[in-house]
Amino acid sequence: MQNYKQDEKIGEGTYGVVYKGVQKSSGITVAMKKIRLETEEEGVPSTAIREISLLRELDHPNVVKIIHRDLKPQNLLIDQHGMLKLADFGLARAFGVPLRIDVWSVGCIFAEMVMKAPLFPGDSEIDQLFRIFRILGTPNEEVWPGSTQLPDFKETFPHWSAKPFSTVFPKLCDEGRDLMTVTLI
């Protein structure tokens, strides 16, 4: 750590705190994660070991075969040249879940950028779900075959129709709405 200068805190999660820092020899701005250890007897958490292993595999900005699983505005870092970098690979897996999760997350982040507020700002699991249903429509067999057979699907869910994205994102151009459609639906 003596090769780096730690600056201000830029984020905090379950497993640690992320700081903005500078590599002393090059002056390059870096993100530094300080892992939170409950007790020293526990050793390094397996999540941290997995995150370190995944980060060591990343040597090119176009790397594939990694599913992030926690894309959100707080995990996006943009440098002074506009280069986007992902942070916090603590939940990442090599093909542990479908890529669709990250695509959905990108859609939610894009919507938040457009609206300057979260698209689905729920304060509980059911509120979150209903906010999604109110915009995208309540799932049914026609739009999502098998959805009504899922263990947590309830026939008593309110039935909302999908709102046209032209009303949800009125200032967004057609291409932007198309991007929203392919990421969120």
N, C-alpha and C. Protein backbone atom coordinates (compact mmCIF):
# COMPACT_ATOMS: atom_id res chain seq x y z
N MET A 1 0.82 -1.20 0.00
CA MET A 1 0.00 0.00 0.00
C MET A 1 0.86 1.26 0.00
N GLN A 2 2.14 1.12 0.29
CA GLN A 2 3.00 2.30 0.32
C GLN A 2 3.20 2.91 -1.07
N ASN A 3 2.83 2.17 -2.13
CA ASN A 3 2.95 2.68 -3.50
C ASN A 3 1.74 3.52 -3.92
N TYR A 4 0.77 3.63 -3.01
CA TYR A 4 -0.47 4.33 -3.33
C TYR A 4 -0.79 5.38 -2.28
N LYS A 5 -1.44 6.46 -2.73
CA LYS A 5 -1.93 7.48 -1.81
C LYS A 5 -3.45 7.37 -1.79
N GLN A 6 -4.01 7.19 -0.61
CA GLN A 6 -5.46 7.06 -0.47
C GLN A 6 -6.10 8.43 -0.34
N ASP A 7 -7.14 8.68 -1.17
CA ASP A 7 -7.89 9.93 -1.10
C ASP A 7 -9.26 9.68 -0.49
N GLU A 8 -10.28 10.36 -0.98
CA GLU A 8 -11.61 10.29 -0.35
C GLU A 8 -12.34 8.98 -0.62
N LYS A 9 -13.27 8.70 0.28
CA LYS A 9 -14.14 7.52 0.14
C LYS A 9 -15.12 7.78 -1.00
N ILE A 10 -15.28 6.77 -1.89
CA ILE A 10 -16.21 6.93 -3.01
C ILE A 10 -17.35 5.92 -2.98
N GLY A 11 -17.28 4.96 -2.08
CA GLY A 11 -18.36 3.98 -2.01
C GLY A 11 -18.18 3.03 -0.85
N GLU A 12 -19.26 2.38 -0.48
CA GLU A 12 -19.21 1.42 0.62
C GLU A 12 -20.22 0.32 0.36
N GLY A 13 -19.84 -0.90 0.67
CA GLY A 13 -20.73 -2.03 0.48
C GLY A 13 -20.66 -2.97 1.67
N THR A 14 -21.26 -4.11 1.52
CA THR A 14 -21.32 -5.10 2.59
C THR A 14 -19.93 -5.55 3.00
N TYR A 15 -19.05 -5.72 2.03
CA TYR A 15 -17.76 -6.34 2.30
C TYR A 15 -16.59 -5.37 2.40
N GLY A 16 -16.83 -4.08 2.21
CA GLY A 16 -15.71 -3.17 2.31
C GLY A 16 -16.04 -1.75 1.89
N VAL A 17 -14.98 -0.93 1.89
CA VAL A 17 -15.08 0.48 1.54
C VAL A 17 -14.16 0.73 0.35
N VAL A 18 -14.63 1.52 -0.62
CA VAL A 18 -13.83 1.85 -1.80
C VAL A 18 -13.41 3.31 -1.71
N TYR A 19 -12.11 3.53 -1.92
CA TYR A 19 -11.54 4.87 -1.88
C TYR A 19 -10.95 5.23 -3.24
N LYS A 20 -10.97 6.51 -3.54
CA LYS A 20 -10.23 7.01 -4.68
C LYS A 20 -8.79 7.11 -4.22
N GLY A 21 -7.87 6.73 -5.10
CA GLY A 21 -6.46 6.78 -4.73
C GLY A 21 -5.61 7.13 -5.94
N VAL A 22 -4.31 7.26 -5.70
CA VAL A 22 -3.36 7.57 -6.76
C VAL A 22 -2.15 6.66 -6.62
N GLN A 23 -1.74 6.06 -7.73
CA GLN A 23 -0.51 5.29 -7.74
C GLN A 23 0.63 6.31 -7.76
N LYS A 24 1.47 6.31 -6.73
CA LYS A 24 2.49 7.36 -6.57
C LYS A 24 3.46 7.43 -7.74
N SER A 25 3.90 6.29 -8.26
CA SER A 25 4.92 6.30 -9.31
C SER A 25 4.42 6.83 -10.64
N SER A 26 3.13 6.60 -10.95
CA SER A 26 2.61 7.00 -12.26
C SER A 26 1.64 8.17 -12.21
N GLY A 27 1.08 8.44 -11.03
CA GLY A 27 0.06 9.47 -10.92
C GLY A 27 -1.31 9.03 -11.41
N ILE A 28 -1.44 7.75 -11.74
CA ILE A 28 -2.71 7.22 -12.24
C ILE A 28 -3.72 7.12 -11.10
N THR A 29 -4.95 7.59 -11.36
CA THR A 29 -6.03 7.49 -10.38
C THR A 29 -6.52 6.05 -10.36
N VAL A 30 -6.70 5.52 -9.17
CA VAL A 30 -7.14 4.13 -9.01
C VAL A 30 -8.28 4.07 -7.99
N ALA A 31 -8.98 2.95 -8.01
CA ALA A 31 -9.97 2.66 -6.96
C ALA A 31 -9.31 1.66 -6.02
N MET A 32 -9.38 1.92 -4.73
CA MET A 32 -8.77 1.05 -3.72
C MET A 32 -9.87 0.52 -2.81
N LYS A 33 -9.95 -0.80 -2.69
CA LYS A 33 -10.98 -1.39 -1.85
C LYS A 33 -10.35 -1.92 -0.58
N LYS A 34 -10.87 -1.45 0.54
CA LYS A 34 -10.43 -1.93 1.85
C LYS A 34 -11.47 -2.94 2.32
N ILE A 35 -11.05 -4.19 2.43
CA ILE A 35 -11.97 -5.27 2.78
C ILE A 35 -12.25 -5.24 4.27
N ARG A 36 -13.53 -5.36 4.60
CA ARG A 36 -13.98 -5.36 5.99
C ARG A 36 -13.87 -6.78 6.54
N LEU A 37 -13.08 -6.96 7.60
CA LEU A 37 -12.96 -8.25 8.27
C LEU A 37 -13.67 -8.16 9.60
N GLU A 38 -14.59 -9.10 9.84
CA GLU A 38 -15.31 -9.10 11.11
C GLU A 38 -14.36 -9.43 12.26
N THR A 39 -13.61 -10.49 12.11
CA THR A 39 -12.59 -10.86 13.11
C THR A 39 -11.37 -11.36 12.36
N GLU A 40 -10.22 -11.21 12.95
CA GLU A 40 -9.00 -11.67 12.29
C GLU A 40 -8.95 -13.18 12.18
N GLU A 41 -9.67 -13.89 13.06
CA GLU A 41 -9.67 -15.35 13.01
C GLU A 41 -10.33 -15.87 11.74
N GLU A 42 -11.26 -15.09 11.19
CA GLU A 42 -11.99 -15.52 10.00
C GLU A 42 -11.10 -15.55 8.76
N GLY A 43 -10.06 -14.75 8.73
CA GLY A 43 -9.22 -14.67 7.55
C GLY A 43 -9.89 -13.85 6.46
N VAL A 44 -9.36 -13.94 5.25
CA VAL A 44 -9.89 -13.18 4.13
C VAL A 44 -11.18 -13.84 3.65
N PRO A 45 -12.27 -13.08 3.53
CA PRO A 45 -13.54 -13.66 3.09
C PRO A 45 -13.43 -14.28 1.70
N SER A 46 -14.17 -15.36 1.48
CA SER A 46 -14.13 -16.04 0.18
C SER A 46 -14.58 -15.10 -0.94
N THR A 47 -15.49 -14.17 -0.62
CA THR A 47 -15.94 -13.22 -1.64
C THR A 47 -14.78 -12.33 -2.11
N ALA A 48 -13.92 -11.95 -1.18
CA ALA A 48 -12.77 -11.12 -1.54
C ALA A 48 -11.77 -11.92 -2.38
N ILE A 49 -11.56 -13.17 -2.02
CA ILE A 49 -10.65 -14.01 -2.80
C ILE A 49 -11.18 -14.19 -4.21
N ARG A 50 -12.48 -14.42 -4.34
CA ARG A 50 -13.09 -14.57 -5.66
C ARG A 50 -12.95 -13.27 -6.46
N GLU A 51 -13.19 -12.13 -5.81
CA GLU A 51 -13.09 -10.84 -6.49
C GLU A 51 -11.67 -10.60 -6.98
N ILE A 52 -10.69 -10.88 -6.14
CA ILE A 52 -9.28 -10.71 -6.52
C ILE A 52 -8.93 -11.62 -7.69
N SER A 53 -9.38 -12.87 -7.64
CA SER A 53 -9.10 -13.82 -8.73
C SER A 53 -9.70 -13.33 -10.05
N LEU A 54 -10.93 -12.84 -9.99
CA LEU A 54 -11.57 -12.34 -11.21
C LEU A 54 -10.85 -11.10 -11.74
N LEU A 55 -10.48 -10.20 -10.85
CA LEU A 55 -9.79 -8.98 -11.29
C LEU A 55 -8.45 -9.30 -11.93
N ARG A 56 -7.77 -10.34 -11.46
CA ARG A 56 -6.49 -10.71 -12.05
C ARG A 56 -6.67 -11.25 -13.47
N GLU A 57 -7.86 -11.78 -13.76
CA GLU A 57 -8.15 -12.29 -15.10
C GLU A 57 -8.46 -11.16 -16.09
N LEU A 58 -8.84 -10.01 -15.56
CA LEU A 58 -9.24 -8.91 -16.43
C LEU A 58 -8.02 -8.13 -16.87
N ASP A 59 -7.63 -8.29 -18.13
CA ASP A 59 -6.48 -7.55 -18.61
C ASP A 59 -6.79 -6.78 -19.89
N HIS A 60 -8.07 -6.69 -20.24
CA HIS A 60 -8.47 -5.97 -21.43
C HIS A 60 -9.88 -5.43 -21.22
N PRO A 61 -10.15 -4.18 -21.65
CA PRO A 61 -11.48 -3.61 -21.40
C PRO A 61 -12.62 -4.36 -22.08
N ASN A 62 -12.34 -5.16 -23.08
CA ASN A 62 -13.41 -5.89 -23.77
C ASN A 62 -13.49 -7.35 -23.34
N VAL A 63 -12.99 -7.65 -22.15
CA VAL A 63 -13.00 -9.04 -21.67
C VAL A 63 -14.44 -9.56 -21.63
N VAL A 64 -14.60 -10.83 -21.95
CA VAL A 64 -15.92 -11.46 -21.93
C VAL A 64 -15.87 -12.68 -21.03
N LYS A 65 -17.00 -13.33 -20.85
CA LYS A 65 -17.15 -14.54 -20.05
C LYS A 65 -17.19 -14.25 -18.56
N ILE A 66 -17.43 -13.02 -18.17
CA ILE A 66 -17.62 -12.67 -16.77
C ILE A 66 -18.99 -12.01 -16.65
N ILE A 67 -19.79 -12.48 -15.72
CA ILE A 67 -21.08 -11.87 -15.44
C ILE A 67 -20.92 -11.07 -14.16
N HIS A 68 -21.14 -9.76 -14.20
CA HIS A 68 -20.90 -8.89 -13.05
C HIS A 68 -21.92 -9.12 -11.94
N ARG A 69 -23.20 -9.12 -12.23
CA ARG A 69 -24.32 -9.39 -11.34
C ARG A 69 -24.65 -8.28 -10.35
N ASP A 70 -23.93 -7.17 -10.37
CA ASP A 70 -24.25 -6.07 -9.44
C ASP A 70 -24.02 -4.72 -10.11
N LEU A 71 -24.43 -4.61 -11.38
CA LEU A 71 -24.27 -3.33 -12.06
C LEU A 71 -25.25 -2.32 -11.50
N LYS A 72 -24.73 -1.18 -11.12
CA LYS A 72 -25.53 -0.06 -10.61
C LYS A 72 -24.65 1.17 -10.72
N PRO A 73 -25.24 2.36 -10.66
CA PRO A 73 -24.43 3.58 -10.84
C PRO A 73 -23.22 3.65 -9.90
N GLN A 74 -23.35 3.16 -8.69
CA GLN A 74 -22.24 3.23 -7.74
C GLN A 74 -21.06 2.35 -8.15
N ASN A 75 -21.26 1.39 -9.04
CA ASN A 75 -20.19 0.50 -9.48
C ASN A 75 -19.63 0.88 -10.85
N LEU A 76 -19.99 2.05 -11.35
CA LEU A 76 -19.46 2.55 -12.61
C LEU A 76 -18.50 3.69 -12.32
N LEU A 77 -17.28 3.56 -12.79
CA LEU A 77 -16.27 4.60 -12.60
C LEU A 77 -15.93 5.19 -13.97
N ILE A 78 -15.89 6.50 -14.06
CA ILE A 78 -15.57 7.17 -15.31
C ILE A 78 -14.38 8.08 -15.07
N ASP A 79 -13.31 7.88 -15.87
CA ASP A 79 -12.12 8.69 -15.68
C ASP A 79 -12.24 10.03 -16.41
N GLN A 80 -11.20 10.85 -16.32
CA GLN A 80 -11.24 12.20 -16.90
C GLN A 80 -11.33 12.19 -18.42
N HIS A 81 -11.07 11.03 -19.05
CA HIS A 81 -11.18 10.92 -20.51
C HIS A 81 -12.51 10.30 -20.93
N GLY A 82 -13.40 10.07 -19.97
CA GLY A 82 -14.70 9.48 -20.28
C GLY A 82 -14.69 7.97 -20.40
N MET A 83 -13.57 7.33 -20.02
CA MET A 83 -13.47 5.87 -20.09
C MET A 83 -14.25 5.25 -18.94
N LEU A 84 -15.18 4.37 -19.28
CA LEU A 84 -16.01 3.70 -18.27
C LEU A 84 -15.31 2.44 -17.80
N LYS A 85 -15.26 2.26 -16.49
CA LYS A 85 -14.69 1.04 -15.90
C LYS A 85 -15.68 0.52 -14.87
N LEU A 86 -15.75 -0.79 -14.77
CA LEU A 86 -16.61 -1.41 -13.77
C LEU A 86 -15.85 -1.62 -12.48
N ALA A 87 -16.55 -1.47 -11.37
CA ALA A 87 -15.95 -1.69 -10.05
C ALA A 87 -16.77 -2.74 -9.31
N ASP A 88 -16.23 -3.23 -8.23
CA ASP A 88 -16.88 -4.17 -7.31
C ASP A 88 -17.32 -5.45 -8.00
N PHE A 89 -16.36 -6.33 -8.18
CA PHE A 89 -16.64 -7.63 -8.78
C PHE A 89 -16.94 -8.69 -7.73
N GLY A 90 -17.37 -8.25 -6.55
CA GLY A 90 -17.62 -9.18 -5.45
C GLY A 90 -18.69 -10.21 -5.73
N LEU A 91 -19.67 -9.90 -6.57
CA LEU A 91 -20.73 -10.86 -6.89
C LEU A 91 -20.52 -11.52 -8.25
N ALA A 92 -19.43 -11.15 -8.94
CA ALA A 92 -19.21 -11.64 -10.29
C ALA A 92 -18.93 -13.14 -10.30
N ARG A 93 -19.31 -13.76 -11.39
CA ARG A 93 -19.06 -15.18 -11.60
C ARG A 93 -18.70 -15.37 -13.07
N ALA A 94 -17.93 -16.40 -13.31
CA ALA A 94 -17.67 -16.79 -14.69
C ALA A 94 -18.86 -17.63 -15.13
N PHE A 95 -19.80 -17.03 -15.82
CA PHE A 95 -21.01 -17.69 -16.30
C PHE A 95 -21.81 -18.33 -15.18
N GLY A 96 -21.85 -17.72 -14.00
CA GLY A 96 -22.63 -18.27 -12.89
C GLY A 96 -24.12 -18.02 -13.05
N VAL A 97 -24.50 -16.99 -13.79
CA VAL A 97 -25.92 -16.66 -14.02
C VAL A 97 -26.06 -16.18 -15.45
N PRO A 98 -27.26 -16.12 -15.95
CA PRO A 98 -27.45 -15.66 -17.33
C PRO A 98 -26.98 -14.21 -17.52
N LEU A 99 -26.42 -13.95 -18.68
CA LEU A 99 -25.98 -12.60 -19.05
C LEU A 99 -27.13 -11.61 -18.95
N ARG A 100 -28.35 -12.08 -19.06
CA ARG A 100 -29.54 -11.22 -19.04
C ARG A 100 -29.58 -10.33 -17.80
N ILE A 101 -29.03 -10.80 -16.68
CA ILE A 101 -29.04 -9.99 -15.45
C ILE A 101 -28.25 -8.70 -15.66
N ASP A 102 -27.06 -8.80 -16.27
CA ASP A 102 -26.28 -7.60 -16.52
C ASP A 102 -26.94 -6.72 -17.57
N VAL A 103 -27.58 -7.31 -18.57
CA VAL A 103 -28.27 -6.52 -19.59
C VAL A 103 -29.41 -5.73 -18.94
N TRP A 104 -30.18 -6.38 -18.07
CA TRP A 104 -31.26 -5.71 -17.33
C TRP A 104 -30.68 -4.56 -16.51
N SER A 105 -29.57 -4.80 -15.84
CA SER A 105 -28.95 -3.76 -15.02
C SER A 105 -28.53 -2.57 -15.86
N VAL A 106 -27.97 -2.82 -17.04
CA VAL A 106 -27.59 -1.73 -17.94
C VAL A 106 -28.83 -0.92 -18.32
N GLY A 107 -29.94 -1.59 -18.59
CA GLY A 107 -31.18 -0.88 -18.90
C GLY A 107 -31.64 0.00 -17.75
N CYS A 108 -31.56 -0.53 -16.52
CA CYS A 108 -31.96 0.26 -15.35
C CYS A 108 -31.03 1.46 -15.14
N ILE A 109 -29.74 1.26 -15.36
CA ILE A 109 -28.78 2.37 -15.23
C ILE A 109 -29.04 3.42 -16.31
N PHE A 110 -29.26 2.97 -17.54
CA PHE A 110 -29.56 3.90 -18.64
C PHE A 110 -30.82 4.70 -18.32
N ALA A 111 -31.85 4.03 -17.82
CA ALA A 111 -33.09 4.72 -17.46
C ALA A 111 -32.84 5.75 -16.36
N GLU A 112 -32.02 5.39 -15.38
CA GLU A 112 -31.71 6.33 -14.30
C GLU A 112 -30.96 7.54 -14.83
N MET A 113 -30.07 7.32 -15.80
CA MET A 113 -29.35 8.45 -16.40
C MET A 113 -30.31 9.37 -17.15
N VAL A 114 -31.24 8.79 -17.88
CA VAL A 114 -32.21 9.56 -18.65
C VAL A 114 -33.15 10.33 -17.74
N MET A 115 -33.65 9.65 -16.71
CA MET A 115 -34.67 10.23 -15.82
C MET A 115 -34.07 11.04 -14.67
N LYS A 116 -32.77 10.86 -14.43
CA LYS A 116 -32.09 11.48 -13.30
C LYS A 116 -32.68 11.02 -11.96
N ALA A 117 -33.23 9.81 -11.99
CA ALA A 117 -33.80 9.17 -10.79
C ALA A 117 -33.98 7.69 -11.12
N PRO A 118 -33.99 6.83 -10.11
CA PRO A 118 -34.20 5.40 -10.38
C PRO A 118 -35.54 5.15 -11.07
N LEU A 119 -35.55 4.20 -11.99
CA LEU A 119 -36.77 3.85 -12.71
C LEU A 119 -37.76 3.12 -11.82
N PHE A 120 -37.26 2.25 -10.95
CA PHE A 120 -38.11 1.45 -10.07
C PHE A 120 -37.67 1.65 -8.62
N PRO A 121 -37.98 2.79 -7.99
CA PRO A 121 -37.47 3.07 -6.64
C PRO A 121 -38.29 2.43 -5.52
N GLY A 122 -38.36 1.11 -5.50
CA GLY A 122 -39.16 0.42 -4.48
C GLY A 122 -38.52 0.48 -3.11
N ASP A 123 -39.37 0.41 -2.08
CA ASP A 123 -38.84 0.41 -0.71
C ASP A 123 -39.04 -0.94 -0.01
N SER A 124 -39.53 -1.93 -0.75
CA SER A 124 -39.64 -3.30 -0.25
C SER A 124 -39.65 -4.21 -1.48
N GLU A 125 -39.51 -5.51 -1.27
CA GLU A 125 -39.50 -6.42 -2.42
C GLU A 125 -40.80 -6.34 -3.21
N ILE A 126 -41.93 -6.35 -2.52
CA ILE A 126 -43.21 -6.34 -3.23
C ILE A 126 -43.46 -4.98 -3.89
N ASP A 127 -43.06 -3.89 -3.23
CA ASP A 127 -43.18 -2.56 -3.84
C ASP A 127 -42.32 -2.48 -5.09
N GLN A 128 -41.10 -3.01 -5.01
CA GLN A 128 -40.20 -3.04 -6.16
C GLN A 128 -40.84 -3.80 -7.32
N LEU A 129 -41.36 -4.97 -7.02
CA LEU A 129 -41.98 -5.81 -8.04
C LEU A 129 -43.17 -5.10 -8.69
N PHE A 130 -44.02 -4.49 -7.87
CA PHE A 130 -45.19 -3.81 -8.41
C PHE A 130 -44.81 -2.59 -9.24
N ARG A 131 -43.74 -1.89 -8.86
CA ARG A 131 -43.28 -0.75 -9.67
C ARG A 131 -42.82 -1.23 -11.05
N ILE A 132 -42.15 -2.38 -11.07
CA ILE A 132 -41.73 -2.97 -12.35
C ILE A 132 -42.96 -3.35 -13.17
N PHE A 133 -43.92 -4.02 -12.53
CA PHE A 133 -45.14 -4.44 -13.22
C PHE A 133 -45.91 -3.24 -13.77
N ARG A 134 -45.97 -2.14 -13.01
CA ARG A 134 -46.74 -0.97 -13.46
C ARG A 134 -46.18 -0.39 -14.76
N ILE A 135 -44.88 -0.51 -14.96
CA ILE A 135 -44.27 0.03 -16.18
C ILE A 135 -44.18 -1.03 -17.27
N LEU A 136 -43.69 -2.22 -16.93
CA LEU A 136 -43.46 -3.25 -17.94
C LEU A 136 -44.64 -4.19 -18.13
N GLY A 137 -45.62 -4.09 -17.24
CA GLY A 137 -46.78 -4.98 -17.30
C GLY A 137 -46.58 -6.20 -16.42
N THR A 138 -47.67 -6.70 -15.87
CA THR A 138 -47.61 -7.92 -15.06
C THR A 138 -47.34 -9.09 -16.00
N PRO A 139 -46.36 -9.93 -15.67
CA PRO A 139 -46.07 -11.08 -16.54
C PRO A 139 -47.29 -11.99 -16.69
N ASN A 140 -47.41 -12.57 -17.88
CA ASN A 140 -48.45 -13.56 -18.13
C ASN A 140 -47.89 -14.58 -19.11
N GLU A 141 -48.65 -15.62 -19.37
CA GLU A 141 -48.17 -16.70 -20.24
C GLU A 141 -47.93 -16.23 -21.68
N GLU A 142 -48.64 -15.20 -22.10
CA GLU A 142 -48.48 -14.71 -23.46
C GLU A 142 -47.12 -14.03 -23.66
N VAL A 143 -46.73 -13.17 -22.71
CA VAL A 143 -45.47 -12.43 -22.87
C VAL A 143 -44.28 -13.15 -22.23
N TRP A 144 -44.54 -14.05 -21.28
CA TRP A 144 -43.47 -14.77 -20.61
C TRP A 144 -43.96 -16.18 -20.30
N PRO A 145 -43.86 -17.08 -21.29
CA PRO A 145 -44.33 -18.45 -21.07
C PRO A 145 -43.65 -19.08 -19.85
N GLY A 146 -44.47 -19.69 -19.00
CA GLY A 146 -43.96 -20.34 -17.79
C GLY A 146 -43.94 -19.44 -16.57
N SER A 147 -44.17 -18.14 -16.76
CA SER A 147 -44.06 -17.21 -15.62
C SER A 147 -45.08 -17.51 -14.53
N THR A 148 -46.27 -17.94 -14.91
CA THR A 148 -47.30 -18.19 -13.89
C THR A 148 -47.05 -19.47 -13.11
N GLN A 149 -46.10 -20.27 -13.58
CA GLN A 149 -45.76 -21.51 -12.87
C GLN A 149 -44.56 -21.33 -11.94
N LEU A 150 -43.95 -20.15 -11.95
CA LEU A 150 -42.81 -19.91 -11.06
C LEU A 150 -43.28 -19.95 -9.61
N PRO A 151 -42.43 -20.42 -8.69
CA PRO A 151 -42.86 -20.64 -7.31
C PRO A 151 -43.39 -19.40 -6.60
N ASP A 152 -42.86 -18.22 -6.92
CA ASP A 152 -43.29 -17.01 -6.21
C ASP A 152 -44.34 -16.21 -6.97
N PHE A 153 -44.78 -16.70 -8.12
CA PHE A 153 -45.82 -16.00 -8.86
C PHE A 153 -47.15 -16.20 -8.15
N LYS A 154 -47.91 -15.13 -8.01
CA LYS A 154 -49.21 -15.19 -7.34
C LYS A 154 -50.30 -14.78 -8.33
N GLU A 155 -51.32 -15.59 -8.43
CA GLU A 155 -52.47 -15.25 -9.29
C GLU A 155 -53.15 -13.96 -8.81
N THR A 156 -52.92 -13.62 -7.53
CA THR A 156 -53.55 -12.43 -6.96
C THR A 156 -52.78 -11.14 -7.27
N PHE A 157 -51.62 -11.25 -7.97
CA PHE A 157 -50.91 -10.04 -8.36
C PHE A 157 -51.85 -9.16 -9.17
N PRO A 158 -51.81 -7.85 -8.95
CA PRO A 158 -52.61 -6.95 -9.80
C PRO A 158 -52.18 -7.11 -11.26
N HIS A 159 -53.10 -6.93 -12.17
CA HIS A 159 -52.81 -7.08 -13.60
C HIS A 159 -52.67 -5.70 -14.23
N TRP A 160 -51.41 -5.32 -14.50
CA TRP A 160 -51.13 -4.05 -15.16
C TRP A 160 -50.69 -4.32 -16.59
N SER A 161 -51.09 -3.48 -17.50
CA SER A 161 -50.60 -3.54 -18.88
C SER A 161 -49.32 -2.73 -18.98
N ALA A 162 -48.46 -3.14 -19.90
CA ALA A 162 -47.21 -2.41 -20.11
C ALA A 162 -47.50 -1.00 -20.61
N LYS A 163 -46.74 -0.03 -20.10
CA LYS A 163 -46.87 1.34 -20.58
C LYS A 163 -45.97 1.50 -21.81
N PRO A 164 -46.41 2.24 -22.80
CA PRO A 164 -45.53 2.52 -23.94
C PRO A 164 -44.32 3.33 -23.47
N PHE A 165 -43.14 2.94 -23.93
CA PHE A 165 -41.94 3.66 -23.52
C PHE A 165 -41.96 5.11 -23.98
N SER A 166 -42.77 5.44 -24.97
CA SER A 166 -42.88 6.84 -25.40
C SER A 166 -43.50 7.69 -24.30
N THR A 167 -44.31 7.09 -23.41
CA THR A 167 -44.87 7.85 -22.28
C THR A 167 -43.97 7.77 -21.06
N VAL A 168 -43.23 6.67 -20.91
CA VAL A 168 -42.32 6.53 -19.77
C VAL A 168 -41.09 7.42 -19.97
N PHE A 169 -40.59 7.47 -21.21
CA PHE A 169 -39.39 8.26 -21.54
C PHE A 169 -39.72 9.23 -22.68
N PRO A 170 -40.56 10.24 -22.42
CA PRO A 170 -41.04 11.09 -23.51
C PRO A 170 -39.95 11.90 -24.21
N LYS A 171 -38.86 12.21 -23.54
CA LYS A 171 -37.81 13.03 -24.16
C LYS A 171 -36.74 12.20 -24.85
N LEU A 172 -36.86 10.88 -24.77
CA LEU A 172 -35.86 9.99 -25.35
C LEU A 172 -36.16 9.77 -26.84
N CYS A 173 -35.12 9.77 -27.66
CA CYS A 173 -35.30 9.54 -29.10
C CYS A 173 -35.69 8.08 -29.35
N ASP A 174 -36.12 7.79 -30.57
CA ASP A 174 -36.56 6.44 -30.93
C ASP A 174 -35.46 5.40 -30.69
N GLU A 175 -34.22 5.74 -31.04
CA GLU A 175 -33.12 4.80 -30.85
C GLU A 175 -32.90 4.52 -29.36
N GLY A 176 -33.04 5.54 -28.53
CA GLY A 176 -32.90 5.37 -27.09
C GLY A 176 -34.00 4.48 -26.52
N ARG A 177 -35.22 4.68 -27.01
CA ARG A 177 -36.33 3.82 -26.56
C ARG A 177 -36.12 2.39 -27.03
N ASP A 178 -35.56 2.22 -28.23
CA ASP A 178 -35.24 0.87 -28.71
C ASP A 178 -34.22 0.20 -27.79
N LEU A 179 -33.22 0.97 -27.37
CA LEU A 179 -32.22 0.42 -26.44
C LEU A 179 -32.87 0.04 -25.12
N MET A 180 -33.75 0.89 -24.61
CA MET A 180 -34.47 0.56 -23.38
C MET A 180 -35.25 -0.74 -23.55
N THR A 181 -35.89 -0.89 -24.69
CA THR A 181 -36.71 -2.08 -24.94
C THR A 181 -35.87 -3.35 -24.92
N VAL A 182 -34.73 -3.34 -25.61
CA VAL A 182 -33.93 -4.57 -25.66
C VAL A 182 -33.24 -4.88 -24.34
N THR A 183 -33.04 -3.88 -23.50
CA THR A 183 -32.38 -4.15 -22.22
C THR A 183 -33.37 -4.48 -21.10
N LEU A 184 -34.57 -3.93 -21.15
CA LEU A 184 -35.52 -4.10 -20.05
C LEU A 184 -36.62 -5.13 -20.32
N ILE A 185 -36.85 -5.47 -21.56
CA ILE A 185 -37.96 -6.39 -21.85
C ILE A 185 -37.42 -7.71 -22.38
